[in-house]
């Protein structure tokens, strides 16, 4: 009686450890998955979806120059504070401009009274 071919030991014996090894390699090296979906009707393009997926560790992503999460206010408290500080500065400038514009009008009213 013959036994069916089996997978090599590293894959058959401890699947969870191998999954962790594979995940560690993917995160260390990074992986890019890209694809486009186009829907046409009678040679008229109705819809195009471009999918780009990068799986990498944070350190590897930063090495590649990817750090969009640091500037996203919904993901970074530092980005939210910066956004609020910029909005505060804009509002303070606007108030100062409005006060400066209304000052001559107030002086005219006081002079006429």
N, C-alpha and C. Protein backbone atom coordinates (compact mmCIF):
# COMPACT_ATOMS: atom_id res chain seq x y z
N UNK A 1 0.85 -1.17 0.00
CA UNK A 1 0.00 0.00 0.00
C UNK A 1 0.90 1.23 0.00
N UNK A 2 0.60 2.18 -0.89
CA UNK A 2 1.41 3.39 -0.96
C UNK A 2 0.69 4.52 -0.27
N UNK A 3 1.48 5.41 0.31
CA UNK A 3 0.89 6.57 0.97
C UNK A 3 0.95 7.75 0.02
N UNK A 4 -0.05 8.60 0.07
CA UNK A 4 -0.04 9.76 -0.82
C UNK A 4 1.11 10.69 -0.46
N UNK A 5 1.56 11.43 -1.46
CA UNK A 5 2.63 12.41 -1.21
C UNK A 5 2.17 13.40 -0.16
N UNK A 6 3.07 13.69 0.75
CA UNK A 6 2.75 14.64 1.82
C UNK A 6 3.52 15.91 1.59
N UNK A 7 3.04 16.99 2.21
CA UNK A 7 3.74 18.26 2.12
C UNK A 7 5.03 18.17 2.91
N UNK A 8 6.03 18.95 2.54
CA UNK A 8 7.26 18.95 3.31
C UNK A 8 6.98 19.30 4.77
N UNK A 9 7.81 18.82 5.66
CA UNK A 9 7.63 19.00 7.10
C UNK A 9 7.37 20.44 7.54
N UNK A 10 8.10 21.43 7.05
CA UNK A 10 7.85 22.78 7.56
C UNK A 10 6.41 23.24 7.36
N UNK A 11 5.75 22.75 6.32
CA UNK A 11 4.39 23.17 6.06
C UNK A 11 3.37 22.30 6.77
N UNK A 12 3.67 21.07 6.99
CA UNK A 12 2.70 20.15 7.56
C UNK A 12 2.72 20.12 9.07
N UNK A 13 3.87 20.28 9.69
CA UNK A 13 3.97 20.05 11.12
C UNK A 13 3.40 21.18 11.97
N UNK A 14 3.77 22.42 11.69
CA UNK A 14 3.35 23.51 12.56
C UNK A 14 2.87 24.68 11.71
N UNK A 15 1.62 24.64 11.29
CA UNK A 15 1.07 25.65 10.39
C UNK A 15 1.07 27.04 10.97
N UNK A 16 0.81 27.19 12.28
CA UNK A 16 0.74 28.53 12.86
C UNK A 16 2.10 29.20 12.90
N UNK A 17 3.14 28.44 13.21
CA UNK A 17 4.48 29.01 13.22
C UNK A 17 4.88 29.44 11.82
N UNK A 18 4.54 28.65 10.82
CA UNK A 18 4.86 28.99 9.45
C UNK A 18 4.07 30.21 8.98
N UNK A 19 2.83 30.32 9.40
CA UNK A 19 2.04 31.50 9.06
C UNK A 19 2.67 32.74 9.66
N UNK A 20 3.15 32.62 10.89
CA UNK A 20 3.82 33.75 11.53
C UNK A 20 5.10 34.11 10.79
N UNK A 21 5.84 33.09 10.35
CA UNK A 21 7.07 33.35 9.58
C UNK A 21 6.75 34.06 8.26
N UNK A 22 5.72 33.59 7.58
CA UNK A 22 5.32 34.19 6.31
C UNK A 22 4.87 35.62 6.53
N UNK A 23 4.08 35.84 7.56
CA UNK A 23 3.61 37.19 7.86
C UNK A 23 4.77 38.11 8.19
N UNK A 24 5.73 37.60 8.96
CA UNK A 24 6.91 38.40 9.30
C UNK A 24 7.70 38.78 8.05
N UNK A 25 7.85 37.83 7.13
CA UNK A 25 8.57 38.12 5.88
C UNK A 25 7.83 39.14 5.04
N UNK A 26 6.51 38.98 4.94
CA UNK A 26 5.72 39.92 4.14
C UNK A 26 5.82 41.31 4.72
N UNK A 27 5.68 41.42 6.04
CA UNK A 27 5.74 42.74 6.67
C UNK A 27 7.14 43.33 6.58
N UNK A 28 8.15 42.49 6.64
CA UNK A 28 9.53 42.97 6.57
C UNK A 28 9.87 43.45 5.16
N UNK A 29 9.47 42.69 4.16
CA UNK A 29 9.80 43.03 2.77
C UNK A 29 8.74 43.91 2.13
N UNK A 30 7.49 43.69 2.49
CA UNK A 30 6.40 44.41 1.87
C UNK A 30 5.89 43.67 0.65
N UNK A 31 4.63 43.87 0.33
CA UNK A 31 4.04 43.24 -0.84
C UNK A 31 3.06 44.23 -1.45
N UNK A 32 3.03 44.28 -2.76
CA UNK A 32 2.13 45.19 -3.47
C UNK A 32 1.20 44.36 -4.33
N UNK A 33 -0.08 44.66 -4.22
CA UNK A 33 -1.08 44.00 -5.05
C UNK A 33 -1.79 45.11 -5.81
N UNK A 34 -1.82 45.01 -7.12
CA UNK A 34 -2.43 46.06 -7.93
C UNK A 34 -3.36 45.41 -8.95
N UNK A 35 -4.43 46.10 -9.24
CA UNK A 35 -5.36 45.60 -10.25
C UNK A 35 -6.32 46.68 -10.69
N UNK A 36 -6.82 46.53 -11.89
CA UNK A 36 -7.80 47.47 -12.44
C UNK A 36 -9.03 46.70 -12.87
N UNK A 37 -10.18 47.28 -12.60
CA UNK A 37 -11.45 46.71 -13.05
C UNK A 37 -12.11 47.75 -13.94
N UNK A 38 -12.43 47.36 -15.16
CA UNK A 38 -13.11 48.27 -16.08
C UNK A 38 -14.40 47.63 -16.54
N UNK A 39 -15.44 48.42 -16.53
CA UNK A 39 -16.74 47.94 -17.01
C UNK A 39 -17.11 48.77 -18.23
N UNK A 40 -17.23 48.08 -19.37
CA UNK A 40 -17.56 48.74 -20.63
C UNK A 40 -18.88 48.20 -21.16
N UNK A 41 -19.61 49.04 -21.85
CA UNK A 41 -20.82 48.64 -22.53
C UNK A 41 -20.75 49.21 -23.94
N UNK A 42 -20.66 48.34 -24.93
CA UNK A 42 -20.55 48.77 -26.33
C UNK A 42 -19.39 49.74 -26.52
N UNK A 43 -18.24 49.38 -26.02
CA UNK A 43 -17.02 50.19 -26.12
C UNK A 43 -17.11 51.55 -25.45
N UNK A 44 -18.05 51.72 -24.53
CA UNK A 44 -18.16 52.94 -23.74
C UNK A 44 -17.78 52.57 -22.31
N UNK A 45 -16.77 53.25 -21.80
CA UNK A 45 -16.31 52.94 -20.45
C UNK A 45 -17.29 53.51 -19.44
N UNK A 46 -17.90 52.65 -18.67
CA UNK A 46 -18.88 53.08 -17.67
C UNK A 46 -18.25 53.26 -16.30
N UNK A 47 -17.30 52.41 -15.96
CA UNK A 47 -16.75 52.45 -14.62
C UNK A 47 -15.33 51.90 -14.64
N UNK A 48 -14.43 52.58 -13.94
CA UNK A 48 -13.07 52.09 -13.77
C UNK A 48 -12.73 52.14 -12.29
N UNK A 49 -12.28 51.04 -11.78
CA UNK A 49 -11.86 50.96 -10.38
C UNK A 49 -10.40 50.53 -10.38
N UNK A 50 -9.55 51.34 -9.75
CA UNK A 50 -8.14 51.00 -9.63
C UNK A 50 -7.87 50.60 -8.19
N UNK A 51 -7.38 49.40 -8.01
CA UNK A 51 -7.09 48.89 -6.68
C UNK A 51 -5.59 48.81 -6.48
N UNK A 52 -5.11 49.37 -5.39
CA UNK A 52 -3.71 49.30 -5.04
C UNK A 52 -3.64 48.95 -3.56
N UNK A 53 -2.97 47.88 -3.23
CA UNK A 53 -2.88 47.44 -1.85
C UNK A 53 -1.41 47.19 -1.52
N UNK A 54 -0.95 47.81 -0.47
CA UNK A 54 0.41 47.59 -0.01
C UNK A 54 0.32 47.04 1.40
N UNK A 55 0.95 45.90 1.61
CA UNK A 55 1.00 45.29 2.94
C UNK A 55 2.45 45.34 3.38
N UNK A 56 2.71 46.07 4.45
CA UNK A 56 4.08 46.20 4.97
C UNK A 56 4.00 46.67 6.41
N UNK A 57 5.09 46.52 7.12
CA UNK A 57 5.14 47.04 8.48
C UNK A 57 5.23 48.56 8.42
N UNK A 58 4.96 49.20 9.52
CA UNK A 58 5.03 50.66 9.58
C UNK A 58 6.45 51.13 9.26
N UNK A 59 7.44 50.45 9.81
CA UNK A 59 8.83 50.84 9.56
C UNK A 59 9.18 50.71 8.08
N UNK A 60 8.76 49.62 7.46
CA UNK A 60 9.05 49.40 6.04
C UNK A 60 8.30 50.44 5.20
N UNK A 61 7.06 50.74 5.56
CA UNK A 61 6.29 51.75 4.82
C UNK A 61 6.98 53.10 4.90
N UNK A 62 7.48 53.46 6.09
CA UNK A 62 8.20 54.73 6.22
C UNK A 62 9.46 54.75 5.39
N UNK A 63 10.16 53.61 5.32
CA UNK A 63 11.35 53.51 4.47
C UNK A 63 10.99 53.78 3.01
N UNK A 64 9.80 53.33 2.60
CA UNK A 64 9.36 53.52 1.22
C UNK A 64 8.77 54.91 0.99
N UNK A 65 8.69 55.71 2.06
CA UNK A 65 8.16 57.06 1.93
C UNK A 65 6.65 57.15 2.07
N UNK A 66 6.05 56.12 2.64
CA UNK A 66 4.60 56.10 2.84
C UNK A 66 4.32 56.40 4.30
N UNK A 67 3.66 57.52 4.57
CA UNK A 67 3.34 57.87 5.96
C UNK A 67 2.05 58.69 6.04
N UNK A 68 1.11 58.39 5.17
CA UNK A 68 -0.13 59.18 5.09
C UNK A 68 -0.92 59.17 6.38
N UNK A 69 -0.81 58.13 7.19
CA UNK A 69 -1.58 58.04 8.43
C UNK A 69 -1.14 59.09 9.45
N UNK A 70 0.09 59.61 9.30
CA UNK A 70 0.56 60.61 10.25
C UNK A 70 -0.11 61.96 10.03
N UNK A 71 -0.64 62.21 8.84
CA UNK A 71 -1.29 63.48 8.52
C UNK A 71 -2.80 63.37 8.47
N UNK A 72 -3.35 62.20 8.75
CA UNK A 72 -4.79 62.00 8.71
C UNK A 72 -5.37 62.26 10.09
N UNK A 73 -6.18 63.32 10.24
CA UNK A 73 -6.71 63.66 11.57
C UNK A 73 -7.54 62.56 12.22
N UNK A 74 -8.15 61.71 11.41
CA UNK A 74 -8.95 60.64 12.00
C UNK A 74 -8.09 59.49 12.52
N UNK A 75 -6.81 59.46 12.14
CA UNK A 75 -5.92 58.39 12.58
C UNK A 75 -4.81 58.86 13.51
N UNK A 76 -4.54 60.16 13.55
CA UNK A 76 -3.41 60.67 14.33
C UNK A 76 -3.86 61.85 15.17
N UNK A 77 -3.62 61.75 16.49
CA UNK A 77 -4.00 62.85 17.37
C UNK A 77 -3.12 64.07 17.11
N UNK A 78 -1.86 63.85 16.72
CA UNK A 78 -0.97 64.96 16.39
C UNK A 78 -1.47 65.72 15.17
N UNK A 79 -1.97 64.99 14.16
CA UNK A 79 -2.50 65.63 12.97
C UNK A 79 -3.75 66.42 13.31
N UNK A 80 -4.57 65.89 14.20
CA UNK A 80 -5.80 66.60 14.60
C UNK A 80 -5.44 67.90 15.33
N UNK A 81 -4.42 67.84 16.21
CA UNK A 81 -4.00 69.05 16.92
C UNK A 81 -3.46 70.09 15.94
N UNK A 82 -2.67 69.63 14.95
CA UNK A 82 -2.15 70.57 13.94
C UNK A 82 -3.28 71.20 13.15
N UNK A 83 -4.27 70.38 12.79
CA UNK A 83 -5.41 70.90 12.03
C UNK A 83 -6.17 71.94 12.85
N UNK A 84 -6.38 71.68 14.13
CA UNK A 84 -7.08 72.64 14.99
C UNK A 84 -6.26 73.91 15.19
N UNK A 85 -4.94 73.78 15.31
CA UNK A 85 -4.08 74.96 15.47
C UNK A 85 -4.12 75.82 14.22
N UNK A 86 -4.10 75.18 13.03
CA UNK A 86 -4.17 75.95 11.78
C UNK A 86 -5.52 76.66 11.65
N UNK A 87 -6.59 75.96 12.01
CA UNK A 87 -7.92 76.57 11.95
C UNK A 87 -8.01 77.75 12.93
N UNK A 88 -7.44 77.59 14.12
CA UNK A 88 -7.42 78.66 15.10
C UNK A 88 -6.68 79.89 14.57
N UNK A 89 -5.51 79.67 13.94
CA UNK A 89 -4.75 80.78 13.36
C UNK A 89 -5.54 81.50 12.27
N UNK A 90 -6.21 80.73 11.40
CA UNK A 90 -7.02 81.34 10.33
C UNK A 90 -8.13 82.20 10.93
N UNK A 91 -8.79 81.68 11.96
CA UNK A 91 -9.88 82.43 12.58
C UNK A 91 -9.36 83.69 13.28
N UNK A 92 -8.21 83.59 13.93
CA UNK A 92 -7.64 84.77 14.58
C UNK A 92 -7.27 85.84 13.55
N UNK A 93 -6.70 85.43 12.42
CA UNK A 93 -6.38 86.41 11.36
C UNK A 93 -7.65 87.05 10.81
N UNK A 94 -8.69 86.23 10.65
CA UNK A 94 -9.95 86.75 10.12
C UNK A 94 -10.57 87.77 11.08
N UNK A 95 -10.55 87.46 12.37
CA UNK A 95 -11.08 88.39 13.37
C UNK A 95 -10.27 89.68 13.37
N UNK A 96 -8.94 89.55 13.29
CA UNK A 96 -8.08 90.74 13.27
C UNK A 96 -8.37 91.58 12.02
N UNK A 97 -8.55 90.94 10.88
CA UNK A 97 -8.88 91.68 9.65
C UNK A 97 -10.23 92.37 9.77
N UNK A 98 -11.21 91.69 10.33
CA UNK A 98 -12.53 92.30 10.50
C UNK A 98 -12.47 93.47 11.47
N UNK A 99 -11.70 93.33 12.55
CA UNK A 99 -11.56 94.42 13.51
C UNK A 99 -10.84 95.61 12.87
N UNK A 100 -9.83 95.33 12.06
CA UNK A 100 -9.10 96.41 11.39
C UNK A 100 -10.00 97.12 10.39
N UNK A 101 -10.84 96.37 9.70
CA UNK A 101 -11.74 96.98 8.71
C UNK A 101 -12.83 97.80 9.39
N UNK A 102 -13.26 97.39 10.57
CA UNK A 102 -14.34 98.12 11.25
C UNK A 102 -13.81 99.29 12.07
N UNK A 103 -12.53 99.34 12.37
CA UNK A 103 -11.96 100.45 13.16
C UNK A 103 -12.17 101.80 12.51
N UNK A 104 -11.86 102.01 11.23
CA UNK A 104 -12.09 103.32 10.60
C UNK A 104 -13.57 103.72 10.63
N UNK A 105 -14.46 102.77 10.46
CA UNK A 105 -15.88 103.07 10.49
C UNK A 105 -16.29 103.54 11.88
N UNK A 106 -15.77 102.92 12.92
CA UNK A 106 -16.07 103.33 14.29
C UNK A 106 -15.53 104.72 14.58
N UNK A 107 -14.30 104.99 14.10
CA UNK A 107 -13.71 106.31 14.32
C UNK A 107 -14.53 107.40 13.63
N UNK A 108 -15.05 107.10 12.42
CA UNK A 108 -15.89 108.08 11.71
C UNK A 108 -17.16 108.37 12.50
N UNK A 109 -17.78 107.34 13.04
CA UNK A 109 -19.01 107.53 13.81
C UNK A 109 -18.73 108.38 15.07
N UNK A 110 -17.59 108.10 15.72
CA UNK A 110 -17.25 108.85 16.92
C UNK A 110 -16.98 110.32 16.57
N UNK A 111 -16.32 110.57 15.43
CA UNK A 111 -16.05 111.93 15.00
C UNK A 111 -17.33 112.68 14.67
N UNK A 112 -18.30 112.00 14.09
CA UNK A 112 -19.56 112.65 13.71
C UNK A 112 -20.43 112.95 14.94
N UNK A 113 -20.26 112.20 15.98
CA UNK A 113 -21.09 112.38 17.17
C UNK A 113 -20.67 113.51 18.02
